[in-house]
Amino acid sequence: MSPTTSNRPPLPAHGHGHVTFLGAGPGDPGLLTLRAVEALAGADVLVAEPQVLDVVRGHARASVSTPELTVIDDVSTTAGIPVLRDAANLVMEAARGGKRVVRAVTGDPGLDTDAGQEMLACAAAGIPFEVVPGVATAVGVPAYAGVPLRDEQGADVRFVDARTASDRCWSEVGASDGTAVVSATLETVAAAAGELVAAGRKPDTPLTVTVAGTTTRQRTWTATLGTIAQTLKQAKVLPSPDGHQPVIAVVGERSAAAQREQLAWFESKPLFGWKVLVPRTKEQAASLSDQLRSYGAVPHEVPTIAVEPPRTPQQMERAVKGLVTGRYEWIAFTSVNAVKAVREKFEEYGLDARAFAGIKVAAVGEQTAAALVDFGVKPDLVPSGEQSAAGLLEDWPPYDPVFDPIDRVFLPRADIATETLVAGLIELGWEVDDVTAYRTVRASPPPADTREAIKGGGFDAVLFTSSSTVRNLVGIAGKPHNVTVIACIGPATAKTAEEHGLRVDVLSPEPSVHRLAEALAEFGAARRAAAVEAGEHVTRPSERRPGGRRRRTTT
């Protein structure tokens, strides 16, 4: 088996563990390599710098040990930067104990001098190690900022760390006409620009400065070597207690403003940096949150309902027993929670997916179908059109006594579900056992900071996927601020929102959560285009002053 396909390399016979020095990239979790994900999945111990721990932690096992790194250098402590180097001791101790250790660093390990020293320590101690390259920050950040480092002329590219650059380094880069990629901080980037001017670069040489590169907090300023200090001051970026934040500055004609306007693909996403409230559980919101991220948004899931067993479980117990004894021709699942309720009852009785043999299974939509497949059941019917009760009825066959030996349908559902599906099935000639499989109750209030963000305008948008999500969110957290864009899945949900004093900005043309997210993205794109056309700085809704709301938009 090749090294690239083996998740857990065998441990050496002498008892030492194994260390993987892993590049976590500049910040975007999507930039982790496949090999990095494999190494993380096999780790016993994960030693990661605080700024990359969230990037890599999700790919490790739940049982992985993540010892905390301690700040040990006074300069870093004063500046508020967790530059710490007790990592070597943690790595060596774990490896000597026979553990598989992943040492994760920002960017690429080959450009991290401390990682290099730790590799030498492993080599001296006879501890086997490997290196998994990552996307270097100095390369990844310009790519996300829309700043190519080379063009068809093939100019030289020099990488400079402003913290350690010598006078000779500044002189060489200053005398060159190539592209310079400078790693600095918000506070020191103007001084670095001054060094280049003093070394011979013209003050009108263009540069771009990017902070929080490859994340949804990314922001890029375009200026010249001579004007960057003034640009950051006018943008009210400096002075600031956040001045220690690292930045990547790209110096040279290839970072000119006109070119960046055409190539800034990341920051021009329709919902870039928008904090979007999704009133669903993390499990329910998974695919929706992924879709929002693809538009540049930062989804924040807040459950508004909790699921509890029915008050009287006997009806559900009889129906599940009826499945086994052949009482039903069909079973229809209208939610992931219905699948979960039936699955839990099956497990209680020692049953599994084989109990569905001979029974036709319907699912209201793709997410419900996926939950069934995870259970081991492939649904026979999923709506070909609208993923709703109405869409399910569109494709549901009428009862035919010649072909259907049994005329009964088992419908496990929530206690507050509508009667649409029951009435439609009866009209098609079926008998329906309409069974309460679970109850929906209002969830507990979210944390205080989330409630404050909802009421204080900290969210840019909120997606309401049903009338109950409107009522429950307002009930547990308060009414969203009037600068927050309100997006509703349909007219009934919009009406409920308006009854609660909310102005609806976006109305989905179809009752689909994914079409709702798409409609919000179209709204965001139109808003961005209007700002650009007016020559205004593109801002998020939460950055606007309280005032008039846009009229409702349908797309």
Protein backbone atom coordinates (compact mmCIF):
# COMPACT_ATOMS: atom_id res chain seq x y z
CA MET A 1 0.00 0.00 0.00
CA SER A 2 1.41 3.39 -0.99
CA PRO A 3 2.04 6.14 1.60
CA THR A 4 -0.71 8.28 0.08
CA THR A 5 -3.41 5.68 0.70
CA SER A 6 -2.45 4.45 4.14
CA ASN A 7 -4.27 6.25 6.96
CA ARG A 8 -2.18 4.88 9.79
CA PRO A 9 1.44 3.99 9.00
CA PRO A 10 2.77 1.03 11.02
CA LEU A 11 4.74 1.96 14.12
CA PRO A 12 8.44 1.07 14.20
CA ALA A 13 9.48 -2.00 16.14
CA HIS A 14 11.65 -0.03 18.60
CA GLY A 15 8.55 1.47 20.22
CA HIS A 16 8.79 5.07 19.06
CA GLY A 17 5.70 6.67 17.62
CA HIS A 18 5.43 8.61 14.41
CA VAL A 19 5.17 12.36 13.75
CA THR A 20 3.46 14.03 10.82
CA PHE A 21 4.40 17.67 10.28
CA LEU A 22 1.33 19.01 8.54
CA GLY A 23 0.64 22.28 6.75
CA ALA A 24 -2.86 23.52 7.60
CA GLY A 25 -2.83 26.24 4.95
CA PRO A 26 -3.62 29.93 5.39
CA GLY A 27 -7.04 29.56 7.06
CA ASP A 28 -9.65 28.15 4.70
CA PRO A 29 -10.39 24.56 5.86
CA GLY A 30 -11.11 23.62 2.25
CA LEU A 31 -7.43 24.05 1.41
CA LEU A 32 -6.34 21.03 3.47
CA THR A 33 -4.89 18.32 1.23
CA LEU A 34 -6.30 14.80 1.01
CA ARG A 35 -3.13 13.49 2.64
CA ALA A 36 -3.57 15.94 5.50
CA VAL A 37 -7.11 14.69 6.12
CA GLU A 38 -5.85 11.08 6.12
CA ALA A 39 -3.10 11.89 8.61
CA LEU A 40 -5.50 13.71 10.91
CA ALA A 41 -7.93 10.77 10.87
CA GLY A 42 -5.17 8.49 12.17
CA ALA A 43 -3.76 10.80 14.85
CA ASP A 44 -3.59 9.86 18.53
CA VAL A 45 -2.26 13.30 19.49
CA LEU A 46 -2.85 16.60 17.67
CA VAL A 47 -0.43 19.42 18.47
CA ALA A 48 -1.73 22.51 16.70
CA GLU A 49 -1.24 26.23 16.96
CA PRO A 50 -4.40 27.96 18.26
CA GLN A 51 -5.04 29.74 14.96
CA VAL A 52 -5.24 26.46 13.02
CA LEU A 53 -6.80 24.14 15.61
CA ASP A 54 -10.34 24.79 14.35
CA VAL A 55 -9.19 24.14 10.78
CA VAL A 56 -7.85 20.65 11.52
CA ARG A 57 -9.79 19.45 14.59
CA GLY A 58 -12.89 18.38 12.68
CA HIS A 59 -10.93 15.79 10.68
CA ALA A 60 -9.48 14.05 13.74
CA ARG A 61 -11.13 11.34 15.80
CA ALA A 62 -13.27 12.36 18.77
CA SER A 63 -10.79 10.63 21.09
CA VAL A 64 -7.72 12.51 19.82
CA SER A 65 -5.68 14.29 22.48
CA THR A 66 -5.12 18.02 21.85
CA PRO A 67 -2.63 19.29 24.44
CA GLU A 68 -2.72 23.06 24.83
CA LEU A 69 0.33 25.00 23.74
CA THR A 70 1.62 27.54 26.25
CA VAL A 71 2.82 31.04 25.46
CA ILE A 72 6.39 31.19 26.67
CA ASP A 73 7.83 34.25 25.02
CA ASP A 74 7.35 37.66 26.63
CA VAL A 75 7.26 39.60 23.36
CA SER A 76 4.41 37.48 22.04
CA THR A 77 2.54 37.75 25.32
CA THR A 78 2.77 41.55 25.24
CA ALA A 79 1.60 41.71 21.62
CA GLY A 80 -1.22 39.25 22.25
CA ILE A 81 0.17 36.77 19.72
CA PRO A 82 0.24 33.13 20.85
CA VAL A 83 3.70 32.36 19.47
CA LEU A 84 4.71 29.47 21.64
CA ARG A 85 7.30 26.92 21.38
CA ASP A 86 6.82 24.23 23.93
CA ALA A 87 5.44 22.29 20.95
CA ALA A 88 8.70 20.36 20.48
CA ASN A 89 8.48 18.96 24.01
CA LEU A 90 4.85 17.88 23.52
CA VAL A 91 5.64 16.26 20.18
CA MET A 92 8.71 14.38 21.48
CA GLU A 93 6.99 13.19 24.64
CA ALA A 94 4.00 11.81 22.77
CA ALA A 95 6.12 10.17 20.06
CA ARG A 96 8.37 8.51 22.65
CA GLY A 97 5.20 7.11 24.20
CA GLY A 98 4.42 5.30 20.95
CA LYS A 99 1.74 7.72 19.76
CA ARG A 100 0.95 8.88 16.27
CA VAL A 101 1.38 12.63 16.46
CA VAL A 102 0.21 15.27 14.01
CA ARG A 103 1.98 18.60 14.37
CA ALA A 104 -0.11 21.18 12.49
CA VAL A 105 1.24 24.59 11.56
CA THR A 106 -0.13 27.54 9.61
CA GLY A 107 0.69 27.49 5.90
CA ASP A 108 3.44 25.04 4.93
CA PRO A 109 5.85 23.28 7.35
CA GLY A 110 8.77 23.91 5.02
CA LEU A 111 8.41 27.65 5.56
CA ASP A 112 8.02 27.35 9.35
CA THR A 113 11.42 27.64 11.03
CA ASP A 114 10.16 26.19 14.31
CA ALA A 115 8.76 23.13 12.54
CA GLY A 116 12.18 22.70 10.94
CA GLN A 117 13.82 22.65 14.37
CA GLU A 118 11.28 20.11 15.60
CA MET A 119 12.03 17.87 12.61
CA LEU A 120 15.73 17.99 13.48
CA ALA A 121 14.91 17.03 17.06
CA CYS A 122 12.91 14.02 15.81
CA ALA A 123 15.76 12.99 13.52
CA ALA A 124 18.28 13.24 16.37
CA ALA A 125 16.07 11.11 18.61
CA GLY A 126 15.47 8.50 15.92
CA ILE A 127 11.75 9.23 15.76
CA PRO A 128 10.33 8.62 12.27
CA PHE A 129 8.44 11.53 10.75
CA GLU A 130 6.88 12.67 7.51
CA VAL A 131 6.01 16.07 6.08
CA VAL A 132 2.65 16.85 4.52
CA PRO A 133 2.98 20.13 2.60
CA GLY A 134 0.27 22.76 2.89
CA VAL A 135 -0.72 25.81 0.88
CA ALA A 136 1.79 28.48 1.89
CA THR A 137 0.16 31.61 3.31
CA ALA A 138 2.28 33.84 1.07
CA VAL A 139 0.91 32.01 -1.98
CA GLY A 140 -2.66 31.19 -0.92
CA VAL A 141 -3.63 34.63 0.36
CA PRO A 142 -2.74 36.52 -2.87
CA ALA A 143 -4.66 33.89 -4.85
CA TYR A 144 -7.78 34.54 -2.75
CA ALA A 145 -7.23 38.30 -3.00
CA GLY A 146 -7.20 38.12 -6.81
CA VAL A 147 -3.54 39.10 -7.06
CA PRO A 148 -1.47 36.91 -9.42
CA LEU A 149 2.21 36.81 -8.55
CA ARG A 150 3.48 36.21 -12.08
CA ASP A 151 2.28 36.91 -15.59
CA GLU A 152 3.41 35.99 -19.11
CA GLN A 153 6.54 38.08 -18.64
CA GLY A 154 7.65 35.71 -15.88
CA ALA A 155 8.97 38.34 -13.44
CA ASP A 156 10.89 37.25 -10.36
CA VAL A 157 8.94 36.72 -7.12
CA ARG A 158 10.63 37.37 -3.78
CA PHE A 159 9.16 36.39 -0.41
CA VAL A 160 10.07 38.59 2.55
CA ASP A 161 9.27 38.18 6.24
CA ALA A 162 9.29 41.73 7.60
CA ARG A 163 9.99 40.49 11.13
CA THR A 164 13.34 38.94 10.25
CA ALA A 165 14.39 40.67 7.01
CA SER A 166 17.96 42.03 7.05
CA ASP A 167 19.14 45.29 5.53
CA ARG A 168 20.68 43.26 2.71
CA CYS A 169 17.30 41.61 2.02
CA TRP A 170 15.50 44.97 1.78
CA SER A 171 18.26 46.33 -0.48
CA GLU A 172 18.04 43.38 -2.88
CA VAL A 173 14.24 43.49 -3.09
CA GLY A 174 14.24 47.27 -3.36
CA ALA A 175 16.66 47.18 -6.28
CA SER A 176 14.56 44.58 -8.10
CA ASP A 177 11.53 45.24 -10.30
CA GLY A 178 10.03 41.84 -9.53
CA THR A 179 7.03 41.06 -7.35
CA ALA A 180 7.63 41.18 -3.61
CA VAL A 181 5.36 39.23 -1.26
CA VAL A 182 5.81 40.66 2.23
CA SER A 183 4.59 38.98 5.43
CA ALA A 184 3.95 41.67 8.04
CA THR A 185 1.25 42.92 10.41
CA LEU A 186 -1.24 45.75 10.05
CA GLU A 187 0.97 47.87 12.30
CA THR A 188 4.23 47.11 10.49
CA VAL A 189 3.22 46.97 6.83
CA ALA A 190 3.68 50.75 6.36
CA ALA A 191 7.19 50.52 7.82
CA ALA A 192 7.93 47.63 5.43
CA ALA A 193 6.73 49.78 2.55
CA GLY A 194 9.09 52.51 3.77
CA GLU A 195 12.00 50.07 3.76
CA LEU A 196 11.31 49.23 0.11
CA VAL A 197 11.10 52.91 -0.87
CA ALA A 198 14.34 53.64 0.98
CA ALA A 199 15.95 50.74 -0.89
CA GLY A 200 14.97 52.09 -4.29
CA ARG A 201 11.38 51.17 -5.07
CA LYS A 202 9.29 54.07 -6.38
CA PRO A 203 6.67 55.42 -3.91
CA ASP A 204 3.97 55.05 -6.58
CA THR A 205 4.59 51.30 -6.88
CA PRO A 206 1.19 49.57 -6.40
CA LEU A 207 0.60 47.16 -3.56
CA THR A 208 -2.26 45.26 -2.02
CA VAL A 209 -2.56 44.43 1.68
CA THR A 210 -4.76 41.50 2.75
CA VAL A 211 -5.75 40.63 6.31
CA ALA A 212 -7.42 37.36 7.41
CA GLY A 213 -6.71 35.93 3.96
CA THR A 214 -8.71 32.92 2.66
CA THR A 215 -11.33 33.33 5.43
CA THR A 216 -14.69 35.07 5.28
CA ARG A 217 -13.13 37.88 7.35
CA GLN A 218 -10.71 38.62 4.50
CA ARG A 219 -10.30 42.25 3.55
CA THR A 220 -7.95 43.75 0.97
CA TRP A 221 -6.80 47.33 0.50
CA THR A 222 -5.20 48.65 -2.69
CA ALA A 223 -2.69 51.50 -2.39
CA THR A 224 0.91 52.38 -3.24
CA LEU A 225 4.09 52.10 -1.20
CA GLY A 226 3.79 55.79 -0.43
CA THR A 227 0.09 55.89 0.47
CA ILE A 228 -0.54 52.64 2.37
CA ALA A 229 -0.23 54.26 5.82
CA GLN A 230 -2.79 56.92 4.87
CA THR A 231 -5.08 54.32 3.27
CA LEU A 232 -5.22 52.20 6.42
CA LYS A 233 -5.79 55.30 8.55
CA GLN A 234 -8.63 56.55 6.32
CA ALA A 235 -10.21 53.09 6.42
CA LYS A 236 -10.12 53.38 10.23
CA VAL A 237 -8.12 50.17 10.39
CA LEU A 238 -5.34 51.86 12.33
CA PRO A 239 -4.73 52.70 15.05
CA SER A 240 -6.38 49.60 16.48
CA PRO A 241 -5.81 46.98 19.19
CA ASP A 242 -5.97 44.46 16.31
CA GLY A 243 -2.85 45.96 14.72
CA HIS A 244 -0.89 42.76 15.42
CA GLN A 245 -2.99 40.82 12.89
CA PRO A 246 -0.80 39.26 10.18
CA VAL A 247 -1.13 40.55 6.63
CA ILE A 248 0.25 39.66 3.24
CA ALA A 249 1.32 42.60 1.07
CA VAL A 250 1.99 42.10 -2.63
CA VAL A 251 4.19 44.80 -4.17
CA GLY A 252 4.50 45.33 -7.91
CA GLU A 253 2.57 46.25 -11.02
CA ARG A 254 0.80 42.91 -10.99
CA SER A 255 -1.16 43.97 -7.92
CA ALA A 256 -2.59 47.06 -9.64
CA ALA A 257 -6.16 47.99 -8.71
CA ALA A 258 -7.63 47.54 -12.20
CA GLN A 259 -6.42 43.97 -12.35
CA ARG A 260 -7.64 43.10 -8.87
CA GLU A 261 -11.12 44.39 -9.65
CA GLN A 262 -11.34 41.78 -12.39
CA LEU A 263 -9.77 38.93 -10.45
CA ALA A 264 -11.08 39.36 -6.88
CA TRP A 265 -13.24 36.24 -7.10
CA PHE A 266 -13.41 35.50 -3.36
CA GLU A 267 -14.39 38.84 -1.84
CA SER A 268 -16.92 39.41 -4.63
CA LYS A 269 -19.06 36.39 -3.71
CA PRO A 270 -22.71 37.49 -3.31
CA LEU A 271 -22.88 36.95 0.47
CA PHE A 272 -19.21 37.42 1.28
CA GLY A 273 -18.72 37.75 5.02
CA TRP A 274 -22.47 37.78 5.74
CA LYS A 275 -23.33 36.20 9.07
CA VAL A 276 -26.51 34.27 8.31
CA LEU A 277 -28.77 32.86 11.02
CA VAL A 278 -30.16 29.43 10.15
CA PRO A 279 -32.92 28.47 12.62
CA ARG A 280 -32.31 24.73 12.41
CA THR A 281 -30.19 22.14 14.16
CA LYS A 282 -26.68 21.51 12.84
CA GLU A 283 -27.79 18.12 11.46
CA GLN A 284 -30.83 19.59 9.67
CA ALA A 285 -28.85 22.55 8.33
CA ALA A 286 -25.79 20.69 7.04
CA SER A 287 -26.40 20.93 3.29
CA LEU A 288 -28.01 24.37 3.60
CA SER A 289 -25.02 25.71 5.53
CA ASP A 290 -22.66 24.26 2.92
CA GLN A 291 -24.62 26.08 0.22
CA LEU A 292 -24.44 29.35 2.14
CA ARG A 293 -20.67 28.93 2.56
CA SER A 294 -20.34 28.52 -1.20
CA TYR A 295 -21.80 32.03 -1.50
CA GLY A 296 -19.21 33.35 0.98
CA ALA A 297 -21.55 33.47 3.99
CA VAL A 298 -20.86 32.42 7.58
CA PRO A 299 -23.85 30.28 8.66
CA HIS A 300 -24.78 30.18 12.33
CA GLU A 301 -27.21 27.39 13.27
CA VAL A 302 -29.68 28.10 16.08
CA PRO A 303 -32.21 25.32 16.80
CA THR A 304 -35.70 26.72 17.38
CA ILE A 305 -37.43 23.41 18.03
CA ALA A 306 -36.56 20.33 20.03
CA VAL A 307 -37.89 16.86 19.30
CA GLU A 308 -39.46 14.71 22.03
CA PRO A 309 -41.24 11.32 22.02
CA PRO A 310 -45.05 11.31 21.77
CA ARG A 311 -46.94 11.60 25.06
CA THR A 312 -48.70 8.29 24.37
CA PRO A 313 -46.33 5.87 22.60
CA GLN A 314 -48.83 3.02 22.21
CA GLN A 315 -50.07 4.16 18.78
CA MET A 316 -46.52 4.25 17.44
CA GLU A 317 -45.74 0.84 18.94
CA ARG A 318 -48.81 -0.73 17.27
CA ALA A 319 -47.89 0.79 13.91
CA VAL A 320 -44.29 -0.51 14.03
CA LYS A 321 -45.55 -3.98 14.92
CA GLY A 322 -47.98 -3.65 11.98
CA LEU A 323 -45.01 -3.08 9.67
CA VAL A 324 -43.62 -6.47 10.64
CA THR A 325 -46.94 -8.31 10.39
CA GLY A 326 -47.77 -7.01 6.89
CA ARG A 327 -50.43 -4.43 7.73
CA TYR A 328 -49.09 -1.79 5.30
CA GLU A 329 -48.40 -1.46 1.60
CA TRP A 330 -46.55 1.87 2.03
CA ILE A 331 -44.75 3.89 4.67
CA ALA A 332 -44.26 7.59 4.02
CA PHE A 333 -41.53 9.63 5.72
CA THR A 334 -42.06 13.40 5.70
CA SER A 335 -38.94 14.40 7.66
CA VAL A 336 -35.56 13.25 8.92
CA ASN A 337 -37.03 13.28 12.42
CA ALA A 338 -39.70 10.75 11.35
CA VAL A 339 -36.94 8.44 10.07
CA LYS A 340 -35.10 8.85 13.36
CA ALA A 341 -38.25 8.10 15.40
CA VAL A 342 -38.99 4.88 13.50
CA ARG A 343 -35.34 3.83 13.60
CA GLU A 344 -35.18 4.29 17.38
CA LYS A 345 -38.36 2.23 17.81
CA PHE A 346 -36.89 -0.48 15.56
CA GLU A 347 -33.74 -0.61 17.70
CA GLU A 348 -35.88 -0.80 20.82
CA TYR A 349 -37.49 -3.96 19.43
CA GLY A 350 -34.23 -5.40 18.05
CA LEU A 351 -35.29 -4.82 14.44
CA ASP A 352 -33.28 -3.45 11.52
CA ALA A 353 -33.86 -2.34 7.92
CA ARG A 354 -34.77 -5.89 6.87
CA ALA A 355 -38.19 -5.31 8.47
CA PHE A 356 -39.03 -3.08 5.48
CA ALA A 357 -38.90 -6.09 3.11
CA GLY A 358 -42.02 -6.12 0.92
CA ILE A 359 -43.07 -2.60 1.97
CA LYS A 360 -42.84 0.39 -0.37
CA VAL A 361 -41.08 3.39 1.13
CA ALA A 362 -41.62 7.04 0.24
CA ALA A 363 -39.52 10.05 1.26
CA VAL A 364 -40.63 13.68 1.00
CA GLY A 365 -37.23 14.91 -0.21
CA GLU A 366 -33.52 14.31 -0.67
CA GLN A 367 -32.50 14.85 2.97
CA THR A 368 -35.14 12.43 4.22
CA ALA A 369 -34.10 9.95 1.53
CA ALA A 370 -30.46 10.29 2.65
CA ALA A 371 -31.48 9.51 6.25
CA LEU A 372 -33.25 6.37 5.01
CA VAL A 373 -30.23 5.27 2.99
CA ASP A 374 -28.11 5.73 6.12
CA PHE A 375 -30.59 3.44 7.86
CA GLY A 376 -30.10 0.88 5.09
CA VAL A 377 -33.35 1.56 3.22
CA LYS A 378 -33.53 2.76 -0.39
CA PRO A 379 -36.79 4.70 -0.89
CA ASP A 380 -39.07 3.63 -3.73
CA LEU A 381 -40.55 7.09 -4.17
CA VAL A 382 -39.00 10.57 -3.89
CA PRO A 383 -40.81 13.54 -5.50
CA SER A 384 -39.52 14.30 -8.96
CA GLY A 385 -40.56 17.94 -8.58
CA GLU A 386 -41.28 19.99 -5.47
CA GLN A 387 -39.92 18.40 -2.30
CA SER A 388 -43.04 18.75 -0.16
CA ALA A 389 -46.23 16.88 0.74
CA ALA A 390 -47.82 18.32 -2.40
CA GLY A 391 -44.89 17.16 -4.51
CA LEU A 392 -45.11 13.69 -2.98
CA LEU A 393 -48.82 13.48 -3.84
CA GLU A 394 -48.07 14.49 -7.44
CA ASP A 395 -46.09 11.25 -7.91
CA TRP A 396 -48.03 8.96 -5.55
CA PRO A 397 -49.91 6.20 -7.40
CA PRO A 398 -53.64 5.77 -6.76
CA TYR A 399 -54.76 2.62 -4.96
CA ASP A 400 -55.38 -0.21 -7.41
CA PRO A 401 -57.03 -3.33 -5.90
CA VAL A 402 -55.63 -5.47 -8.73
CA PHE A 403 -51.98 -4.58 -8.12
CA ASP A 404 -52.02 -3.50 -4.48
CA PRO A 405 -52.74 -6.37 -2.09
CA ILE A 406 -53.03 -3.98 0.85
CA ASP A 407 -54.65 -0.53 0.83
CA ARG A 408 -53.06 0.96 3.95
CA VAL A 409 -50.31 3.57 4.40
CA PHE A 410 -48.32 4.16 7.60
CA LEU A 411 -47.59 7.87 8.04
CA PRO A 412 -45.29 8.60 11.01
CA ARG A 413 -45.11 12.37 11.50
CA ALA A 414 -44.87 15.32 13.86
CA ASP A 415 -47.70 16.31 16.17
CA ILE A 416 -48.05 19.69 14.41
CA ALA A 417 -47.92 18.44 10.79
CA THR A 418 -50.58 19.63 8.34
CA GLU A 419 -53.30 17.34 6.96
CA THR A 420 -52.34 17.88 3.31
CA LEU A 421 -50.75 14.48 2.77
CA VAL A 422 -53.43 12.54 4.67
CA ALA A 423 -56.26 14.13 2.70
CA GLY A 424 -54.47 13.61 -0.61
CA LEU A 425 -53.78 9.92 0.05
CA ILE A 426 -57.40 9.30 1.04
CA GLU A 427 -58.47 10.99 -2.18
CA LEU A 428 -56.22 8.56 -4.07
CA GLY A 429 -58.06 5.67 -2.45
CA TRP A 430 -55.67 4.77 0.36
CA GLU A 431 -56.43 4.15 4.02
CA VAL A 432 -53.99 6.07 6.24
CA ASP A 433 -52.72 5.31 9.72
CA ASP A 434 -51.76 8.86 10.70
CA VAL A 435 -49.44 8.34 13.68
CA THR A 436 -47.70 10.90 15.91
CA ALA A 437 -44.10 9.65 15.88
CA TYR A 438 -42.61 12.65 17.69
CA ARG A 439 -43.53 15.98 19.22
CA THR A 440 -41.93 19.29 18.40
CA VAL A 441 -41.46 21.73 21.27
CA ARG A 442 -39.81 25.09 21.48
CA ALA A 443 -36.04 24.80 21.94
CA SER A 444 -34.12 26.32 24.82
CA PRO A 445 -32.92 29.91 24.29
CA PRO A 446 -29.53 30.25 22.56
CA PRO A 447 -26.53 31.69 24.44
CA ALA A 448 -26.71 35.31 25.59
CA ASP A 449 -24.24 36.56 22.96
CA THR A 450 -26.34 35.00 20.18
CA ARG A 451 -29.53 36.59 21.54
CA GLU A 452 -27.78 39.93 21.70
CA ALA A 453 -26.52 39.56 18.11
CA ILE A 454 -30.06 38.76 16.92
CA LYS A 455 -31.65 41.76 18.62
CA GLY A 456 -28.70 44.11 18.15
CA GLY A 457 -28.16 43.68 14.40
CA GLY A 458 -25.17 41.36 14.59
CA PHE A 459 -26.60 39.08 11.90
CA ASP A 460 -26.74 40.13 8.27
CA ALA A 461 -29.63 37.84 7.37
CA VAL A 462 -31.94 35.21 8.80
CA LEU A 463 -33.56 32.38 6.85
CA PHE A 464 -37.06 31.43 7.99
CA THR A 465 -38.01 27.99 6.69
CA SER A 466 -41.50 27.78 8.25
CA SER A 467 -43.97 29.82 10.29
CA SER A 468 -42.98 27.89 13.40
CA THR A 469 -39.33 28.97 13.02
CA VAL A 470 -40.50 32.60 13.04
CA ARG A 471 -42.64 32.18 16.15
CA ASN A 472 -40.08 30.08 17.98
CA LEU A 473 -37.05 32.26 17.18
CA VAL A 474 -38.83 35.41 18.32
CA GLY A 475 -40.04 33.51 21.39
CA ILE A 476 -36.64 32.19 22.51
CA ALA A 477 -34.31 34.94 21.29
CA GLY A 478 -36.27 38.08 20.44
CA LYS A 479 -37.07 39.89 17.20
CA PRO A 480 -34.23 40.34 14.67
CA HIS A 481 -32.96 43.91 14.30
CA ASN A 482 -34.40 45.96 11.46
CA VAL A 483 -31.06 46.04 9.56
CA THR A 484 -31.13 42.23 9.28
CA VAL A 485 -32.29 40.93 5.91
CA ILE A 486 -35.31 38.66 6.39
CA ALA A 487 -35.69 35.78 3.92
CA CYS A 488 -38.78 33.54 3.96
CA ILE A 489 -39.45 30.23 2.27
CA GLY A 490 -43.00 31.05 1.18
CA PRO A 491 -46.03 33.36 1.52
CA ALA A 492 -47.36 31.73 4.70
CA THR A 493 -44.00 32.10 6.43
CA ALA A 494 -43.70 35.68 5.18
CA LYS A 495 -47.15 36.49 6.56
CA THR A 496 -46.16 35.14 9.98
CA ALA A 497 -42.95 37.20 9.89
CA GLU A 498 -44.91 40.35 9.08
CA GLU A 499 -47.38 39.60 11.87
CA HIS A 500 -44.37 39.64 14.21
CA GLY A 501 -43.34 43.08 12.99
CA LEU A 502 -40.64 41.94 10.54
CA ARG A 503 -40.18 43.41 7.06
CA VAL A 504 -39.58 40.59 4.58
CA ASP A 505 -36.83 41.33 2.05
CA VAL A 506 -36.51 38.04 0.20
CA LEU A 507 -39.26 35.58 -0.70
CA SER A 508 -38.29 32.24 -2.21
CA PRO A 509 -40.16 31.49 -5.45
CA GLU A 510 -40.37 27.84 -4.43
CA PRO A 511 -40.86 26.14 -1.02
CA SER A 512 -37.31 24.77 -0.98
CA VAL A 513 -34.57 25.66 1.52
CA HIS A 514 -31.95 25.53 -1.22
CA ARG A 515 -33.98 27.81 -3.48
CA LEU A 516 -34.38 30.13 -0.49
CA ALA A 517 -30.60 30.30 -0.02
CA GLU A 518 -30.21 30.91 -3.76
CA ALA A 519 -32.75 33.75 -3.60
CA LEU A 520 -30.82 35.33 -0.72
CA ALA A 521 -27.61 35.07 -2.76
CA GLU A 522 -29.33 36.79 -5.70
CA PHE A 523 -30.46 39.54 -3.34
CA GLY A 524 -26.90 39.92 -2.05
CA ALA A 525 -25.49 40.03 -5.59
CA ALA A 526 -27.96 42.76 -6.61
CA ARG A 527 -27.13 44.75 -3.48
CA ARG A 528 -23.39 44.46 -4.19
CA ALA A 529 -23.83 45.46 -7.83
CA ALA A 530 -25.84 48.54 -6.82
CA ALA A 531 -23.11 49.65 -4.41
CA VAL A 532 -20.37 49.17 -7.03
CA GLU A 533 -22.37 51.04 -9.66
CA ALA A 534 -22.89 53.92 -7.23
CA GLY A 535 -19.17 53.99 -6.48
CA GLU A 536 -19.82 53.10 -2.84
CA HIS A 537 -17.86 50.74 -0.59
CA VAL A 538 -19.59 47.36 -0.45
CA THR A 539 -20.83 46.76 3.09
CA ARG A 540 -22.75 44.02 4.82
CA PRO A 541 -26.28 44.75 6.12
CA SER A 542 -25.02 44.61 9.72
CA GLU A 543 -22.62 47.46 8.88
CA ARG A 544 -25.45 49.75 7.83
CA ARG A 545 -26.96 52.31 10.12
CA PRO A 546 -30.51 51.57 11.30
CA GLY A 547 -32.91 53.03 8.82
CA GLY A 548 -35.15 52.20 5.91
CA ARG A 549 -35.44 48.64 4.76
CA ARG A 550 -35.40 47.50 1.16
CA ARG A 551 -38.68 46.39 -0.27
CA ARG A 552 -39.42 42.72 -0.52
CA THR A 553 -37.70 41.00 -3.41
CA THR A 554 -38.87 37.92 -5.25
CA THR A 555 -36.48 36.17 -7.58
